[in-house]
Amino acid sequence: MKKIRAIAITDVLFEECPVFELKDNGYFEMLKDNTFRYEKECVEEDPDWLIFEVEDEDVVLTNR
């Protein structure tokens, strides 16, 4: 099953980097805490986010 995930570039400066996954509700939700979420359009339009397609063991960067 293909998943769409994203990370904020600025988060790689820290010890941990939260991963967000696009859900059916149209939001990218943090995997560890789904109360943190961003609208799909905000993430897609912001150059500070990297968006990936993940399927099994394959990861493809989709927005650079």
N, C-alpha and C. Protein backbone atom coordinates (compact mmCIF):
# COMPACT_ATOMS: atom_id res chain seq x y z
N MET A 1 0.84 -1.18 0.00
CA MET A 1 0.00 0.00 0.00
C MET A 1 0.89 1.25 0.00
N LYS A 2 0.62 2.15 -0.91
CA LYS A 2 1.40 3.37 -1.04
C LYS A 2 0.95 4.40 0.00
N LYS A 3 1.93 5.04 0.63
CA LYS A 3 1.66 6.10 1.61
C LYS A 3 2.38 7.36 1.15
N ILE A 4 1.80 8.50 1.48
CA ILE A 4 2.42 9.79 1.22
C ILE A 4 2.85 10.34 2.57
N ARG A 5 4.15 10.59 2.69
CA ARG A 5 4.69 11.09 3.95
C ARG A 5 5.51 12.35 3.70
N ALA A 6 5.70 13.13 4.77
CA ALA A 6 6.42 14.39 4.64
C ALA A 6 7.22 14.68 5.91
N ILE A 7 8.32 15.41 5.71
CA ILE A 7 9.09 15.93 6.83
C ILE A 7 9.39 17.40 6.54
N ALA A 8 9.48 18.18 7.61
CA ALA A 8 9.86 19.58 7.47
C ALA A 8 11.38 19.66 7.48
N ILE A 9 11.96 20.36 6.52
CA ILE A 9 13.40 20.46 6.40
C ILE A 9 14.01 21.02 7.69
N THR A 10 13.37 21.99 8.30
CA THR A 10 13.91 22.61 9.50
C THR A 10 14.01 21.64 10.67
N ASP A 11 13.22 20.58 10.67
CA ASP A 11 13.26 19.61 11.77
C ASP A 11 14.51 18.73 11.76
N VAL A 12 15.23 18.67 10.66
CA VAL A 12 16.43 17.84 10.63
C VAL A 12 17.56 18.44 11.45
N LEU A 13 17.39 19.65 11.94
CA LEU A 13 18.38 20.28 12.81
C LEU A 13 18.36 19.69 14.22
N PHE A 14 17.30 18.99 14.57
CA PHE A 14 17.12 18.49 15.91
C PHE A 14 17.42 17.00 16.00
N GLU A 15 17.40 16.49 17.21
CA GLU A 15 17.70 15.08 17.46
C GLU A 15 16.69 14.14 16.83
N GLU A 16 15.45 14.57 16.78
CA GLU A 16 14.39 13.76 16.17
C GLU A 16 13.71 14.55 15.09
N CYS A 17 13.23 13.85 14.10
CA CYS A 17 12.56 14.49 12.97
C CYS A 17 11.18 13.86 12.81
N PRO A 18 10.12 14.57 13.19
CA PRO A 18 8.78 14.01 13.08
C PRO A 18 8.41 13.71 11.62
N VAL A 19 7.71 12.62 11.44
CA VAL A 19 7.23 12.23 10.12
C VAL A 19 5.71 12.40 10.10
N PHE A 20 5.22 12.99 9.03
CA PHE A 20 3.79 13.22 8.87
C PHE A 20 3.29 12.35 7.72
N GLU A 21 2.05 11.87 7.84
CA GLU A 21 1.47 11.03 6.79
C GLU A 21 0.15 11.63 6.35
N LEU A 22 -0.07 11.65 5.03
CA LEU A 22 -1.32 12.18 4.48
C LEU A 22 -2.44 11.18 4.75
N LYS A 23 -3.48 11.67 5.40
CA LYS A 23 -4.63 10.84 5.75
C LYS A 23 -5.81 11.17 4.83
N ASP A 24 -6.84 10.33 4.87
CA ASP A 24 -8.03 10.53 4.03
C ASP A 24 -8.76 11.82 4.35
N ASN A 25 -8.53 12.40 5.52
CA ASN A 25 -9.22 13.64 5.90
C ASN A 25 -8.57 14.88 5.27
N GLY A 26 -7.50 14.69 4.47
CA GLY A 26 -6.87 15.81 3.79
C GLY A 26 -5.79 16.51 4.60
N TYR A 27 -5.37 15.89 5.68
CA TYR A 27 -4.33 16.46 6.53
C TYR A 27 -3.12 15.55 6.59
N PHE A 28 -1.94 16.17 6.68
CA PHE A 28 -0.73 15.44 7.02
C PHE A 28 -0.69 15.40 8.55
N GLU A 29 -0.76 14.21 9.13
CA GLU A 29 -0.78 14.05 10.58
C GLU A 29 0.53 13.42 11.03
N MET A 30 1.05 13.91 12.17
CA MET A 30 2.28 13.35 12.72
C MET A 30 2.03 11.91 13.14
N LEU A 31 2.96 11.02 12.80
CA LEU A 31 2.79 9.60 13.12
C LEU A 31 2.74 9.35 14.62
N LYS A 32 3.58 10.04 15.39
CA LYS A 32 3.63 9.80 16.83
C LYS A 32 2.52 10.48 17.61
N ASP A 33 1.95 11.56 17.06
CA ASP A 33 0.91 12.31 17.77
C ASP A 33 0.01 12.98 16.74
N ASN A 34 -1.10 12.36 16.43
CA ASN A 34 -1.96 12.87 15.35
C ASN A 34 -2.70 14.16 15.70
N THR A 35 -2.47 14.72 16.89
CA THR A 35 -3.04 16.03 17.18
C THR A 35 -2.24 17.13 16.47
N PHE A 36 -1.02 16.81 16.04
CA PHE A 36 -0.23 17.73 15.23
C PHE A 36 -0.50 17.41 13.77
N ARG A 37 -1.08 18.38 13.07
CA ARG A 37 -1.42 18.13 11.66
C ARG A 37 -1.41 19.43 10.87
N TYR A 38 -1.24 19.27 9.57
CA TYR A 38 -1.21 20.40 8.65
C TYR A 38 -2.08 20.06 7.44
N GLU A 39 -2.76 21.07 6.91
CA GLU A 39 -3.58 20.85 5.72
C GLU A 39 -2.66 20.44 4.56
N LYS A 40 -3.18 19.56 3.74
CA LYS A 40 -2.44 19.03 2.59
C LYS A 40 -1.87 20.15 1.73
N GLU A 41 -2.68 21.15 1.41
CA GLU A 41 -2.26 22.23 0.54
C GLU A 41 -1.13 23.05 1.15
N CYS A 42 -1.16 23.24 2.46
CA CYS A 42 -0.10 24.01 3.13
C CYS A 42 1.24 23.30 3.01
N VAL A 43 1.25 22.01 3.20
CA VAL A 43 2.49 21.23 3.10
C VAL A 43 2.97 21.21 1.65
N GLU A 44 2.07 20.98 0.71
CA GLU A 44 2.45 20.89 -0.70
C GLU A 44 2.99 22.21 -1.25
N GLU A 45 2.49 23.33 -0.75
CA GLU A 45 2.90 24.63 -1.27
C GLU A 45 4.11 25.23 -0.56
N ASP A 46 4.50 24.65 0.56
CA ASP A 46 5.60 25.19 1.36
C ASP A 46 6.92 24.53 0.95
N PRO A 47 7.91 25.31 0.49
CA PRO A 47 9.17 24.72 0.05
C PRO A 47 10.01 24.13 1.18
N ASP A 48 9.60 24.33 2.42
CA ASP A 48 10.34 23.78 3.57
C ASP A 48 9.91 22.36 3.92
N TRP A 49 9.08 21.75 3.09
CA TRP A 49 8.65 20.37 3.32
C TRP A 49 9.17 19.47 2.20
N LEU A 50 9.59 18.27 2.59
CA LEU A 50 9.93 17.22 1.63
C LEU A 50 8.81 16.19 1.66
N ILE A 51 8.29 15.83 0.50
CA ILE A 51 7.18 14.88 0.40
C ILE A 51 7.67 13.63 -0.31
N PHE A 52 7.32 12.48 0.24
CA PHE A 52 7.77 11.20 -0.26
C PHE A 52 6.60 10.26 -0.52
N GLU A 53 6.74 9.40 -1.52
CA GLU A 53 5.85 8.26 -1.69
C GLU A 53 6.58 7.06 -1.11
N VAL A 54 5.91 6.32 -0.24
CA VAL A 54 6.51 5.16 0.41
C VAL A 54 5.65 3.94 0.09
N GLU A 55 6.30 2.92 -0.47
CA GLU A 55 5.60 1.67 -0.76
C GLU A 55 6.54 0.51 -0.45
N ASP A 56 6.15 -0.29 0.49
CA ASP A 56 7.01 -1.38 0.98
C ASP A 56 8.35 -0.78 1.42
N GLU A 57 9.44 -1.18 0.79
CA GLU A 57 10.76 -0.68 1.15
C GLU A 57 11.24 0.44 0.21
N ASP A 58 10.40 0.85 -0.74
CA ASP A 58 10.78 1.86 -1.71
C ASP A 58 10.31 3.24 -1.25
N VAL A 59 11.23 4.21 -1.33
CA VAL A 59 10.93 5.60 -0.96
C VAL A 59 11.34 6.50 -2.12
N VAL A 60 10.39 7.34 -2.57
CA VAL A 60 10.67 8.24 -3.70
C VAL A 60 10.30 9.66 -3.28
N LEU A 61 11.26 10.57 -3.41
CA LEU A 61 11.02 11.99 -3.17
C LEU A 61 10.18 12.52 -4.32
N THR A 62 9.09 13.21 -4.02
CA THR A 62 8.16 13.61 -5.09
C THR A 62 8.11 15.10 -5.37
N ASN A 63 8.71 15.94 -4.52
CA ASN A 63 8.50 17.37 -4.73
C ASN A 63 9.79 18.17 -4.91
N ARG A 64 10.85 17.57 -5.39
CA ARG A 64 12.09 18.32 -5.67
C ARG A 64 12.59 18.03 -7.05
